[in-house]
Amino acid sequence: MISVEKIFGNIFNSPLITPDRLLLGAKDHLARLMKGNSNHEFDTQILVLTTAIAVLEGDVSNVDTTLNLQSSQTDDVDVVTYNFHNTLSTLSGVIANSLGGVGIQVTKKCIRTG
């Protein structure tokens, strides 16, 4: 049954939706719009979404670069290891999708959960 929260709530208000996952979802949505745009019905939406994706990609890249520079300049080995583990945990869904999905053998060997 559909709840009132699902209809009127903010479905994106979750800590599980990281900027990386939002970017991945936006790119997937854009690809679907472009595939179904044979009669140019969605040209305006595609233009707006393409611009927004470019901005989000820049933001995600800048955050990653800034974190890498900070870690290499100031952190000791334990902190770098801790940050690396947390970053991989955060990006595990993005990495798994890049490798073909969570259930495939390569992903199971490369990404441990927990």
PDB file of N, CA and C in Angstrom:
ATOM      1  N   MET A   1       0.841  -1.180   0.000  1.00  0.00           N
ATOM      2  CA  MET A   1       0.000   0.000   0.000  1.00  0.00           C
ATOM      3  C   MET A   1       0.889   1.247   0.000  1.00  0.00           C
ATOM      4  N   ILE A   2       0.495   2.245  -0.731  1.00  0.00           N
ATOM      5  CA  ILE A   2       1.251   3.487  -0.827  1.00  0.00           C
ATOM      6  C   ILE A   2       0.910   4.364   0.372  1.00  0.00           C
ATOM      7  N   SER A   3       1.948   4.822   1.057  1.00  0.00           N
ATOM      8  CA  SER A   3       1.738   5.655   2.242  1.00  0.00           C
ATOM      9  C   SER A   3       1.709   7.129   1.852  1.00  0.00           C
ATOM     10  N   VAL A   4       1.215   7.934   2.779  1.00  0.00           N
ATOM     11  CA  VAL A   4       1.162   9.380   2.576  1.00  0.00           C
ATOM     12  C   VAL A   4       2.585   9.925   2.426  1.00  0.00           C
ATOM     13  N   GLU A   5       3.522   9.354   3.201  1.00  0.00           N
ATOM     14  CA  GLU A   5       4.924   9.793   3.140  1.00  0.00           C
ATOM     15  C   GLU A   5       5.509   9.574   1.748  1.00  0.00           C
ATOM     16  N   LYS A   6       5.170   8.461   1.105  1.00  0.00           N
ATOM     17  CA  LYS A   6       5.697   8.188  -0.232  1.00  0.00           C
ATOM     18  C   LYS A   6       5.147   9.164  -1.268  1.00  0.00           C
ATOM     19  N   ILE A   7       3.938   9.622  -1.055  1.00  0.00           N
ATOM     20  CA  ILE A   7       3.323  10.552  -2.015  1.00  0.00           C
ATOM     21  C   ILE A   7       3.776  11.982  -1.772  1.00  0.00           C
ATOM     22  N   PHE A   8       3.763  12.420  -0.515  1.00  0.00           N
ATOM     23  CA  PHE A   8       4.029  13.820  -0.205  1.00  0.00           C
ATOM     24  C   PHE A   8       5.387  14.072   0.448  1.00  0.00           C
ATOM     25  N   GLY A   9       6.088  13.026   0.831  1.00  0.00           N
ATOM     26  CA  GLY A   9       7.375  13.185   1.499  1.00  0.00           C
ATOM     27  C   GLY A   9       8.514  13.366   0.513  1.00  0.00           C
ATOM     28  N   ASN A  10       9.659  13.686   1.055  1.00  0.00           N
ATOM     29  CA  ASN A  10      10.869  13.851   0.254  1.00  0.00           C
ATOM     30  C   ASN A  10      11.600  12.516   0.204  1.00  0.00           C
ATOM     31  N   ILE A  11      11.495  11.807  -0.910  1.00  0.00           N
ATOM     32  CA  ILE A  11      12.104  10.480  -1.018  1.00  0.00           C
ATOM     33  C   ILE A  11      13.627  10.554  -1.066  1.00  0.00           C
ATOM     34  N   PHE A  12      14.175  11.736  -1.278  1.00  0.00           N
ATOM     35  CA  PHE A  12      15.628  11.899  -1.343  1.00  0.00           C
ATOM     36  C   PHE A  12      16.228  12.314   0.002  1.00  0.00           C
ATOM     37  N   ASN A  13      15.414  12.411   1.039  1.00  0.00           N
ATOM     38  CA  ASN A  13      15.888  12.816   2.355  1.00  0.00           C
ATOM     39  C   ASN A  13      16.358  11.589   3.125  1.00  0.00           C
ATOM     40  N   SER A  14      17.476  11.048   2.703  1.00  0.00           N
ATOM     41  CA  SER A  14      18.025   9.856   3.334  1.00  0.00           C
ATOM     42  C   SER A  14      19.550   9.955   3.348  1.00  0.00           C
ATOM     43  N   PRO A  15      20.171   9.573   4.453  1.00  0.00           N
ATOM     44  CA  PRO A  15      21.640   9.591   4.484  1.00  0.00           C
ATOM     45  C   PRO A  15      22.255   8.528   3.576  1.00  0.00           C
ATOM     46  N   LEU A  16      21.449   7.561   3.139  1.00  0.00           N
ATOM     47  CA  LEU A  16      21.953   6.509   2.257  1.00  0.00           C
ATOM     48  C   LEU A  16      22.144   6.998   0.824  1.00  0.00           C
ATOM     49  N   ILE A  17      21.539   8.132   0.488  1.00  0.00           N
ATOM     50  CA  ILE A  17      21.694   8.682  -0.859  1.00  0.00           C
ATOM     51  C   ILE A  17      22.871   9.645  -0.828  1.00  0.00           C
ATOM     52  N   THR A  18      24.034   9.134  -1.175  1.00  0.00           N
ATOM     53  CA  THR A  18      25.245   9.947  -1.206  1.00  0.00           C
ATOM     54  C   THR A  18      25.299  10.711  -2.523  1.00  0.00           C
ATOM     55  N   PRO A  19      26.122  11.743  -2.618  1.00  0.00           N
ATOM     56  CA  PRO A  19      26.253  12.448  -3.894  1.00  0.00           C
ATOM     57  C   PRO A  19      26.651  11.512  -5.040  1.00  0.00           C
ATOM     58  N   ASP A  20      27.486  10.517  -4.755  1.00  0.00           N
ATOM     59  CA  ASP A  20      27.889   9.576  -5.799  1.00  0.00           C
ATOM     60  C   ASP A  20      26.708   8.754  -6.304  1.00  0.00           C
ATOM     61  N   ARG A  21      25.882   8.303  -5.383  1.00  0.00           N
ATOM     62  CA  ARG A  21      24.703   7.522  -5.779  1.00  0.00           C
ATOM     63  C   ARG A  21      23.682   8.392  -6.494  1.00  0.00           C
ATOM     64  N   LEU A  22      23.539   9.640  -6.042  1.00  0.00           N
ATOM     65  CA  LEU A  22      22.637  10.563  -6.725  1.00  0.00           C
ATOM     66  C   LEU A  22      23.113  10.799  -8.155  1.00  0.00           C
ATOM     67  N   LEU A  23      24.416  10.965  -8.333  1.00  0.00           N
ATOM     68  CA  LEU A  23      24.984  11.162  -9.665  1.00  0.00           C
ATOM     69  C   LEU A  23      24.732   9.948 -10.550  1.00  0.00           C
ATOM     70  N   LEU A  24      24.941   8.760 -10.006  1.00  0.00           N
ATOM     71  CA  LEU A  24      24.708   7.533 -10.763  1.00  0.00           C
ATOM     72  C   LEU A  24      23.247   7.420 -11.180  1.00  0.00           C
ATOM     73  N   GLY A  25      22.337   7.724 -10.263  1.00  0.00           N
ATOM     74  CA  GLY A  25      20.908   7.678 -10.587  1.00  0.00           C
ATOM     75  C   GLY A  25      20.520   8.714 -11.627  1.00  0.00           C
ATOM     76  N   ALA A  26      21.091   9.903 -11.529  1.00  0.00           N
ATOM     77  CA  ALA A  26      20.788  10.960 -12.501  1.00  0.00           C
ATOM     78  C   ALA A  26      21.284  10.581 -13.896  1.00  0.00           C
ATOM     79  N   LYS A  27      22.482   9.981 -13.964  1.00  0.00           N
ATOM     80  CA  LYS A  27      23.005   9.555 -15.267  1.00  0.00           C
ATOM     81  C   LYS A  27      22.144   8.453 -15.874  1.00  0.00           C
ATOM     82  N   ASP A  28      21.679   7.543 -15.040  1.00  0.00           N
ATOM     83  CA  ASP A  28      20.800   6.477 -15.514  1.00  0.00           C
ATOM     84  C   ASP A  28      19.487   7.060 -16.041  1.00  0.00           C
ATOM     85  N   HIS A  29      18.928   8.002 -15.299  1.00  0.00           N
ATOM     86  CA  HIS A  29      17.688   8.655 -15.720  1.00  0.00           C
ATOM     87  C   HIS A  29      17.888   9.401 -17.043  1.00  0.00           C
ATOM     88  N   LEU A  30      19.010  10.098 -17.171  1.00  0.00           N
ATOM     89  CA  LEU A  30      19.309  10.814 -18.406  1.00  0.00           C
ATOM     90  C   LEU A  30      19.407   9.858 -19.588  1.00  0.00           C
ATOM     91  N   ALA A  31      20.077   8.732 -19.392  1.00  0.00           N
ATOM     92  CA  ALA A  31      20.208   7.748 -20.475  1.00  0.00           C
ATOM     93  C   ALA A  31      18.841   7.226 -20.900  1.00  0.00           C
ATOM     94  N   ARG A  32      17.955   6.997 -19.946  1.00  0.00           N
ATOM     95  CA  ARG A  32      16.609   6.515 -20.282  1.00  0.00           C
ATOM     96  C   ARG A  32      15.801   7.581 -21.020  1.00  0.00           C
ATOM     97  N   LEU A  33      15.947   8.835 -20.579  1.00  0.00           N
ATOM     98  CA  LEU A  33      15.260   9.921 -21.283  1.00  0.00           C
ATOM     99  C   LEU A  33      15.748  10.037 -22.724  1.00  0.00           C
ATOM    100  N   MET A  34      17.048   9.948 -22.909  1.00  0.00           N
ATOM    101  CA  MET A  34      17.607  10.089 -24.254  1.00  0.00           C
ATOM    102  C   MET A  34      17.188   8.922 -25.141  1.00  0.00           C
ATOM    103  N   LYS A  35      17.127   7.740 -24.566  1.00  0.00           N
ATOM    104  CA  LYS A  35      16.717   6.565 -25.340  1.00  0.00           C
ATOM    105  C   LYS A  35      15.256   6.676 -25.792  1.00  0.00           C
ATOM    106  N   GLY A  36      14.416   7.234 -24.934  1.00  0.00           N
ATOM    107  CA  GLY A  36      12.995   7.358 -25.265  1.00  0.00           C
ATOM    108  C   GLY A  36      12.614   8.683 -25.889  1.00  0.00           C
ATOM    109  N   ASN A  37      13.571   9.396 -26.447  1.00  0.00           N
ATOM    110  CA  ASN A  37      13.314  10.738 -26.974  1.00  0.00           C
ATOM    111  C   ASN A  37      13.350  10.768 -28.495  1.00  0.00           C
ATOM    112  N   SER A  38      12.795   9.770 -29.124  1.00  0.00           N
ATOM    113  CA  SER A  38      12.857   9.706 -30.589  1.00  0.00           C
ATOM    114  C   SER A  38      12.089  10.846 -31.262  1.00  0.00           C
ATOM    115  N   ASN A  39      11.047  11.347 -30.633  1.00  0.00           N
ATOM    116  CA  ASN A  39      10.282  12.452 -31.232  1.00  0.00           C
ATOM    117  C   ASN A  39      10.619  13.801 -30.597  1.00  0.00           C
ATOM    118  N   HIS A  40      11.743  13.883 -29.887  1.00  0.00           N
ATOM    119  CA  HIS A  40      12.255  15.118 -29.261  1.00  0.00           C
ATOM    120  C   HIS A  40      11.290  15.716 -28.237  1.00  0.00           C
ATOM    121  N   GLU A  41      10.519  14.865 -27.608  1.00  0.00           N
ATOM    122  CA  GLU A  41       9.549  15.296 -26.611  1.00  0.00           C
ATOM    123  C   GLU A  41      10.218  15.755 -25.307  1.00  0.00           C
ATOM    124  N   PHE A  42      11.396  15.203 -25.010  1.00  0.00           N
ATOM    125  CA  PHE A  42      12.054  15.480 -23.740  1.00  0.00           C
ATOM    126  C   PHE A  42      13.307  16.338 -23.883  1.00  0.00           C
ATOM    127  N   ASP A  43      13.443  17.058 -24.964  1.00  0.00           N
ATOM    128  CA  ASP A  43      14.649  17.855 -25.205  1.00  0.00           C
ATOM    129  C   ASP A  43      14.932  18.851 -24.080  1.00  0.00           C
ATOM    130  N   THR A  44      13.908  19.529 -23.590  1.00  0.00           N
ATOM    131  CA  THR A  44      14.086  20.523 -22.535  1.00  0.00           C
ATOM    132  C   THR A  44      14.558  19.863 -21.252  1.00  0.00           C
ATOM    133  N   GLN A  45      13.914  18.748 -20.877  1.00  0.00           N
ATOM    134  CA  GLN A  45      14.306  18.035 -19.659  1.00  0.00           C
ATOM    135  C   GLN A  45      15.728  17.499 -19.777  1.00  0.00           C
ATOM    136  N   ILE A  46      16.102  17.015 -20.947  1.00  0.00           N
ATOM    137  CA  ILE A  46      17.453  16.492 -21.167  1.00  0.00           C
ATOM    138  C   ILE A  46      18.480  17.604 -21.012  1.00  0.00           C
ATOM    139  N   LEU A  47      18.195  18.778 -21.545  1.00  0.00           N
ATOM    140  CA  LEU A  47      19.112  19.907 -21.435  1.00  0.00           C
ATOM    141  C   LEU A  47      19.303  20.316 -19.976  1.00  0.00           C
ATOM    142  N   VAL A  48      18.209  20.435 -19.234  1.00  0.00           N
ATOM    143  CA  VAL A  48      18.286  20.827 -17.824  1.00  0.00           C
ATOM    144  C   VAL A  48      19.038  19.771 -17.020  1.00  0.00           C
ATOM    145  N   LEU A  49      18.726  18.499 -17.253  1.00  0.00           N
ATOM    146  CA  LEU A  49      19.365  17.423 -16.502  1.00  0.00           C
ATOM    147  C   LEU A  49      20.851  17.302 -16.840  1.00  0.00           C
ATOM    148  N   THR A  50      21.207  17.498 -18.100  1.00  0.00           N
ATOM    149  CA  THR A  50      22.611  17.432 -18.504  1.00  0.00           C
ATOM    150  C   THR A  50      23.431  18.513 -17.803  1.00  0.00           C
ATOM    151  N   THR A  51      22.877  19.709 -17.717  1.00  0.00           N
ATOM    152  CA  THR A  51      23.550  20.806 -17.030  1.00  0.00           C
ATOM    153  C   THR A  51      23.716  20.502 -15.540  1.00  0.00           C
ATOM    154  N   ALA A  52      22.657  20.004 -14.920  1.00  0.00           N
ATOM    155  CA  ALA A  52      22.708  19.679 -13.487  1.00  0.00           C
ATOM    156  C   ALA A  52      23.706  18.553 -13.204  1.00  0.00           C
ATOM    157  N   ILE A  53      23.763  17.569 -14.083  1.00  0.00           N
ATOM    158  CA  ILE A  53      24.700  16.460 -13.910  1.00  0.00           C
ATOM    159  C   ILE A  53      26.139  16.959 -14.013  1.00  0.00           C
ATOM    160  N   ALA A  54      26.401  17.857 -14.934  1.00  0.00           N
ATOM    161  CA  ALA A  54      27.753  18.401 -15.084  1.00  0.00           C
ATOM    162  C   ALA A  54      28.187  19.134 -13.808  1.00  0.00           C
ATOM    163  N   VAL A  55      27.286  19.895 -13.203  1.00  0.00           N
ATOM    164  CA  VAL A  55      27.599  20.604 -11.968  1.00  0.00           C
ATOM    165  C   VAL A  55      27.858  19.611 -10.840  1.00  0.00           C
ATOM    166  N   LEU A  56      26.992  18.597 -10.725  1.00  0.00           N
ATOM    167  CA  LEU A  56      27.152  17.595  -9.673  1.00  0.00           C
ATOM    168  C   LEU A  56      28.449  16.806  -9.853  1.00  0.00           C
ATOM    169  N   GLU A  57      28.796  16.475 -11.091  1.00  0.00           N
ATOM    170  CA  GLU A  57      30.067  15.780 -11.349  1.00  0.00           C
ATOM    171  C   GLU A  57      31.256  16.619 -10.893  1.00  0.00           C
ATOM    172  N   GLY A  58      31.191  17.904 -11.169  1.00  0.00           N
ATOM    173  CA  GLY A  58      32.257  18.800 -10.728  1.00  0.00           C
ATOM    174  C   GLY A  58      32.358  18.856  -9.217  1.00  0.00           C
ATOM    175  N   ASP A  59      31.209  18.921  -8.541  1.00  0.00           N
ATOM    176  CA  ASP A  59      31.204  18.952  -7.079  1.00  0.00           C
ATOM    177  C   ASP A  59      31.768  17.662  -6.494  1.00  0.00           C
ATOM    178  N   VAL A  60      31.352  16.524  -7.032  1.00  0.00           N
ATOM    179  CA  VAL A  60      31.828  15.233  -6.534  1.00  0.00           C
ATOM    180  C   VAL A  60      33.331  15.103  -6.771  1.00  0.00           C
ATOM    181  N   SER A  61      33.807  15.518  -7.941  1.00  0.00           N
ATOM    182  CA  SER A  61      35.238  15.447  -8.242  1.00  0.00           C
ATOM    183  C   SER A  61      36.043  16.348  -7.322  1.00  0.00           C
ATOM    184  N   ASN A  62      35.540  17.556  -7.062  1.00  0.00           N
ATOM    185  CA  ASN A  62      36.249  18.490  -6.183  1.00  0.00           C
ATOM    186  C   ASN A  62      36.336  17.960  -4.759  1.00  0.00           C
ATOM    187  N   VAL A  63      35.273  17.353  -4.268  1.00  0.00           N
ATOM    188  CA  VAL A  63      35.287  16.794  -2.916  1.00  0.00           C
ATOM    189  C   VAL A  63      36.307  15.672  -2.837  1.00  0.00           C
ATOM    190  N   ASP A  64      36.308  14.765  -3.817  1.00  0.00           N
ATOM    191  CA  ASP A  64      37.258  13.657  -3.816  1.00  0.00           C
ATOM    192  C   ASP A  64      38.696  14.168  -3.850  1.00  0.00           C
ATOM    193  N   THR A  65      38.979  15.149  -4.691  1.00  0.00           N
ATOM    194  CA  THR A  65      40.325  15.692  -4.800  1.00  0.00           C
ATOM    195  C   THR A  65      40.749  16.371  -3.508  1.00  0.00           C
ATOM    196  N   THR A  66      39.849  17.150  -2.920  1.00  0.00           N
ATOM    197  CA  THR A  66      40.156  17.845  -1.676  1.00  0.00           C
ATOM    198  C   THR A  66      40.445  16.851  -0.553  1.00  0.00           C
ATOM    199  N   LEU A  67      39.650  15.795  -0.452  1.00  0.00           N
ATOM    200  CA  LEU A  67      39.883  14.791   0.592  1.00  0.00           C
ATOM    201  C   LEU A  67      41.219  14.094   0.392  1.00  0.00           C
ATOM    202  N   ASN A  68      41.564  13.793  -0.851  1.00  0.00           N
ATOM    203  CA  ASN A  68      42.839  13.136  -1.125  1.00  0.00           C
ATOM    204  C   ASN A  68      44.018  14.022  -0.753  1.00  0.00           C
ATOM    205  N   LEU A  69      43.945  15.302  -1.092  1.00  0.00           N
ATOM    206  CA  LEU A  69      45.034  16.222  -0.754  1.00  0.00           C
ATOM    207  C   LEU A  69      45.176  16.373   0.752  1.00  0.00           C
ATOM    208  N   GLN A  70      44.052  16.519   1.442  1.00  0.00           N
ATOM    209  CA  GLN A  70      44.106  16.670   2.895  1.00  0.00           C
ATOM    210  C   GLN A  70      44.700  15.427   3.546  1.00  0.00           C
ATOM    211  N   SER A  71      44.270  14.269   3.091  1.00  0.00           N
ATOM    212  CA  SER A  71      44.759  13.022   3.695  1.00  0.00           C
ATOM    213  C   SER A  71      46.253  12.863   3.492  1.00  0.00           C
ATOM    214  N   SER A  72      46.719  13.139   2.288  1.00  0.00           N
ATOM    215  CA  SER A  72      48.133  12.920   2.011  1.00  0.00           C
ATOM    216  C   SER A  72      49.024  13.932   2.733  1.00  0.00           C
ATOM    217  N   GLN A  73      48.487  15.088   3.068  1.00  0.00           N
ATOM    218  CA  GLN A  73      49.314  16.111   3.693  1.00  0.00           C
ATOM    219  C   GLN A  73      49.332  16.034   5.215  1.00  0.00           C
ATOM    220  N   THR A  74      48.254  15.575   5.846  1.00  0.00           N
ATOM    221  CA  THR A  74      48.168  15.735   7.291  1.00  0.00           C
ATOM    222  C   THR A  74      47.926  14.455   8.087  1.00  0.00           C
ATOM    223  N   ASP A  75      47.444  13.403   7.489  1.00  0.00           N
ATOM    224  CA  ASP A  75      47.027  12.238   8.263  1.00  0.00           C
ATOM    225  C   ASP A  75      48.126  11.198   8.407  1.00  0.00           C
ATOM    226  N   ASP A  76      48.069  10.470   9.502  1.00  0.00           N
ATOM    227  CA  ASP A  76      48.993   9.353   9.649  1.00  0.00           C
ATOM    228  C   ASP A  76      48.382   8.109   8.998  1.00  0.00           C
ATOM    229  N   VAL A  77      49.093   7.016   9.021  1.00  0.00           N
ATOM    230  CA  VAL A  77      48.687   5.804   8.303  1.00  0.00           C
ATOM    231  C   VAL A  77      47.342   5.275   8.794  1.00  0.00           C
ATOM    232  N   ASP A  78      47.114   5.284  10.096  1.00  0.00           N
ATOM    233  CA  ASP A  78      45.853   4.770  10.633  1.00  0.00           C
ATOM    234  C   ASP A  78      44.652   5.577  10.152  1.00  0.00           C
ATOM    235  N   VAL A  79      44.790   6.883  10.128  1.00  0.00           N
ATOM    236  CA  VAL A  79      43.691   7.739   9.695  1.00  0.00           C
ATOM    237  C   VAL A  79      43.440   7.566   8.200  1.00  0.00           C
ATOM    238  N   VAL A  80      44.507   7.475   7.412  1.00  0.00           N
ATOM    239  CA  VAL A  80      44.354   7.268   5.969  1.00  0.00           C
ATOM    240  C   VAL A  80      43.654   5.936   5.711  1.00  0.00           C
ATOM    241  N   THR A  81      44.043   4.892   6.434  1.00  0.00           N
ATOM    242  CA  THR A  81      43.406   3.580   6.274  1.00  0.00           C
ATOM    243  C   THR A  81      41.931   3.652   6.652  1.00  0.00           C
ATOM    244  N   TYR A  82      41.625   4.315   7.754  1.00  0.00           N
ATOM    245  CA  TYR A  82      40.240   4.477   8.189  1.00  0.00           C
ATOM    246  C   TYR A  82      39.425   5.236   7.138  1.00  0.00           C
ATOM    247  N   ASN A  83      39.956   6.345   6.639  1.00  0.00           N
ATOM    248  CA  ASN A  83      39.256   7.135   5.621  1.00  0.00           C
ATOM    249  C   ASN A  83      39.058   6.344   4.332  1.00  0.00           C
ATOM    250  N   PHE A  84      40.074   5.559   3.945  1.00  0.00           N
ATOM    251  CA  PHE A  84      39.974   4.744   2.737  1.00  0.00           C
ATOM    252  C   PHE A  84      38.852   3.722   2.881  1.00  0.00           C
ATOM    253  N   HIS A  85      38.778   3.060   4.028  1.00  0.00           N
ATOM    254  CA  HIS A  85      37.732   2.067   4.275  1.00  0.00           C
ATOM    255  C   HIS A  85      36.351   2.724   4.203  1.00  0.00           C
ATOM    256  N   ASN A  86      36.181   3.870   4.861  1.00  0.00           N
ATOM    257  CA  ASN A  86      34.889   4.558   4.847  1.00  0.00           C
ATOM    258  C   ASN A  86      34.513   5.039   3.453  1.00  0.00           C
ATOM    259  N   THR A  87      35.488   5.527   2.695  1.00  0.00           N
ATOM    260  CA  THR A  87      35.207   5.978   1.326  1.00  0.00           C
ATOM    261  C   THR A  87      34.756   4.805   0.467  1.00  0.00           C
ATOM    262  N   LEU A  88      35.447   3.679   0.558  1.00  0.00           N
ATOM    263  CA  LEU A  88      35.043   2.500  -0.211  1.00  0.00           C
ATOM    264  C   LEU A  88      33.665   2.009   0.212  1.00  0.00           C
ATOM    265  N   SER A  89      33.369   2.056   1.503  1.00  0.00           N
ATOM    266  CA  SER A  89      32.042   1.654   1.971  1.00  0.00           C
ATOM    267  C   SER A  89      30.968   2.560   1.383  1.00  0.00           C
ATOM    268  N   THR A  90      31.256   3.857   1.333  1.00  0.00           N
ATOM    269  CA  THR A  90      30.304   4.819   0.783  1.00  0.00           C
ATOM    270  C   THR A  90      30.097   4.604  -0.711  1.00  0.00           C
ATOM    271  N   LEU A  91      31.177   4.282  -1.416  1.00  0.00           N
ATOM    272  CA  LEU A  91      31.112   4.147  -2.869  1.00  0.00           C
ATOM    273  C   LEU A  91      30.865   2.715  -3.337  1.00  0.00           C
ATOM    274  N   SER A  92      30.623   1.784  -2.420  1.00  0.00           N
ATOM    275  CA  SER A  92      30.513   0.376  -2.807  1.00  0.00           C
ATOM    276  C   SER A  92      29.415   0.135  -3.840  1.00  0.00           C
ATOM    277  N   GLY A  93      28.289   0.825  -3.710  1.00  0.00           N
ATOM    278  CA  GLY A  93      27.213   0.658  -4.690  1.00  0.00           C
ATOM    279  C   GLY A  93      27.612   1.148  -6.067  1.00  0.00           C
ATOM    280  N   VAL A  94      28.302   2.282  -6.110  1.00  0.00           N
ATOM    281  CA  VAL A  94      28.760   2.842  -7.380  1.00  0.00           C
ATOM    282  C   VAL A  94      29.784   1.905  -8.030  1.00  0.00           C
ATOM    283  N   ILE A  95      30.717   1.392  -7.210  1.00  0.00           N
ATOM    284  CA  ILE A  95      31.746   0.488  -7.723  1.00  0.00           C
ATOM    285  C   ILE A  95      31.107  -0.801  -8.218  1.00  0.00           C
ATOM    286  N   ALA A  96      30.182  -1.357  -7.442  1.00  0.00           N
ATOM    287  CA  ALA A  96      29.511  -2.596  -7.835  1.00  0.00           C
ATOM    288  C   ALA A  96      28.765  -2.422  -9.145  1.00  0.00           C
ATOM    289  N   ASN A  97      28.067  -1.302  -9.315  1.00  0.00           N
ATOM    290  CA  ASN A  97      27.352  -1.060 -10.573  1.00  0.00           C
ATOM    291  C   ASN A  97      28.317  -0.932 -11.744  1.00  0.00           C
ATOM    292  N   SER A  98      29.479  -0.344 -11.511  1.00  0.00           N
ATOM    293  CA  SER A  98      30.482  -0.206 -12.568  1.00  0.00           C
ATOM    294  C   SER A  98      31.026  -1.562 -12.998  1.00  0.00           C
ATOM    295  N   LEU A  99      31.077  -2.508 -12.040  1.00  0.00           N
ATOM    296  CA  LEU A  99      31.586  -3.841 -12.345  1.00  0.00           C
ATOM    297  C   LEU A  99      30.511  -4.774 -12.885  1.00  0.00           C
ATOM    298  N   GLY A 100      29.263  -4.334 -12.891  1.00  0.00           N
ATOM    299  CA  GLY A 100      28.197  -5.146 -13.452  1.00  0.00           C
ATOM    300  C   GLY A 100      27.126  -5.553 -12.475  1.00  0.00           C
ATOM    301  N   GLY A 101      27.198  -5.133 -11.235  1.00  0.00           N
ATOM    302  CA  GLY A 101      26.167  -5.446 -10.259  1.00  0.00           C
ATOM    303  C   GLY A 101      26.719  -6.130  -9.033  1.00  0.00           C
ATOM    304  N   VAL A 102      25.927  -6.144  -7.977  1.00  0.00           N
ATOM    305  CA  VAL A 102      26.361  -6.666  -6.696  1.00  0.00           C
ATOM    306  C   VAL A 102      26.521  -8.182  -6.739  1.00  0.00           C
ATOM    307  N   GLY A 103      25.695  -8.881  -7.495  1.00  0.00           N
ATOM    308  CA  GLY A 103      25.678 -10.333  -7.462  1.00  0.00           C
ATOM    309  C   GLY A 103      26.739 -11.046  -8.271  1.00  0.00           C
ATOM    310  N   ILE A 104      27.496 -10.339  -9.102  1.00  0.00           N
ATOM    311  CA  ILE A 104      28.451 -11.047  -9.948  1.00  0.00           C
ATOM    312  C   ILE A 104      29.708 -11.401  -9.174  1.00  0.00           C
ATOM    313  N   GLN A 105      30.430 -12.394  -9.636  1.00  0.00           N
ATOM    314  CA  GLN A 105      31.578 -12.941  -8.923  1.00  0.00           C
ATOM    315  C   GLN A 105      32.693 -11.911  -8.712  1.00  0.00           C
ATOM    316  N   VAL A 106      32.960 -11.078  -9.727  1.00  0.00           N
ATOM    317  CA  VAL A 106      34.032 -10.079  -9.607  1.00  0.00           C
ATOM    318  C   VAL A 106      33.734  -9.124  -8.459  1.00  0.00           C
ATOM    319  N   THR A 107      32.492  -8.678  -8.367  1.00  0.00           N
ATOM    320  CA  THR A 107      32.115  -7.746  -7.312  1.00  0.00           C
ATOM    321  C   THR A 107      32.232  -8.401  -5.944  1.00  0.00           C
ATOM    322  N   LYS A 108      31.833  -9.666  -5.830  1.00  0.00           N
ATOM    323  CA  LYS A 108      31.909 -10.360  -4.553  1.00  0.00           C
ATOM    324  C   LYS A 108      33.365 -10.490  -4.089  1.00  0.00           C
ATOM    325  N   LYS A 109      34.289 -10.698  -5.023  1.00  0.00           N
ATOM    326  CA  LYS A 109      35.695 -10.836  -4.655  1.00  0.00           C
ATOM    327  C   LYS A 109      36.349  -9.499  -4.362  1.00  0.00           C
ATOM    328  N   CYS A 110      35.944  -8.448  -5.063  1.00  0.00           N
ATOM    329  CA  CYS A 110      36.587  -7.136  -4.918  1.00  0.00           C
ATOM    330  C   CYS A 110      36.028  -6.334  -3.748  1.00  0.00           C
ATOM    331  N   ILE A 111      34.759  -6.462  -3.483  1.00  0.00           N
ATOM    332  CA  ILE A 111      34.117  -5.639  -2.455  1.00  0.00           C
ATOM    333  C   ILE A 111      33.563  -6.541  -1.368  1.00  0.00           C
ATOM    334  N   ARG A 112      34.169  -6.459  -0.205  1.00  0.00           N
ATOM    335  CA  ARG A 112      33.635  -7.178   0.943  1.00  0.00           C
ATOM    336  C   ARG A 112      32.694  -6.243   1.673  1.00  0.00           C
ATOM    337  N   THR A 113      31.608  -6.775   2.150  1.00  0.00           N
ATOM    338  CA  THR A 113      30.683  -5.946   2.937  1.00  0.00           C
ATOM    339  C   THR A 113      30.956  -6.183   4.401  1.00  0.00           C
ATOM    340  N   GLY A 114      30.736  -5.128   5.176  1.00  0.00           N
ATOM    341  CA  GLY A 114      30.916  -5.278   6.615  1.00  0.00           C
ATOM    342  C   GLY A 114      32.116  -4.541   7.132  1.00  0.00           C
TER     343      GLY A 114
END
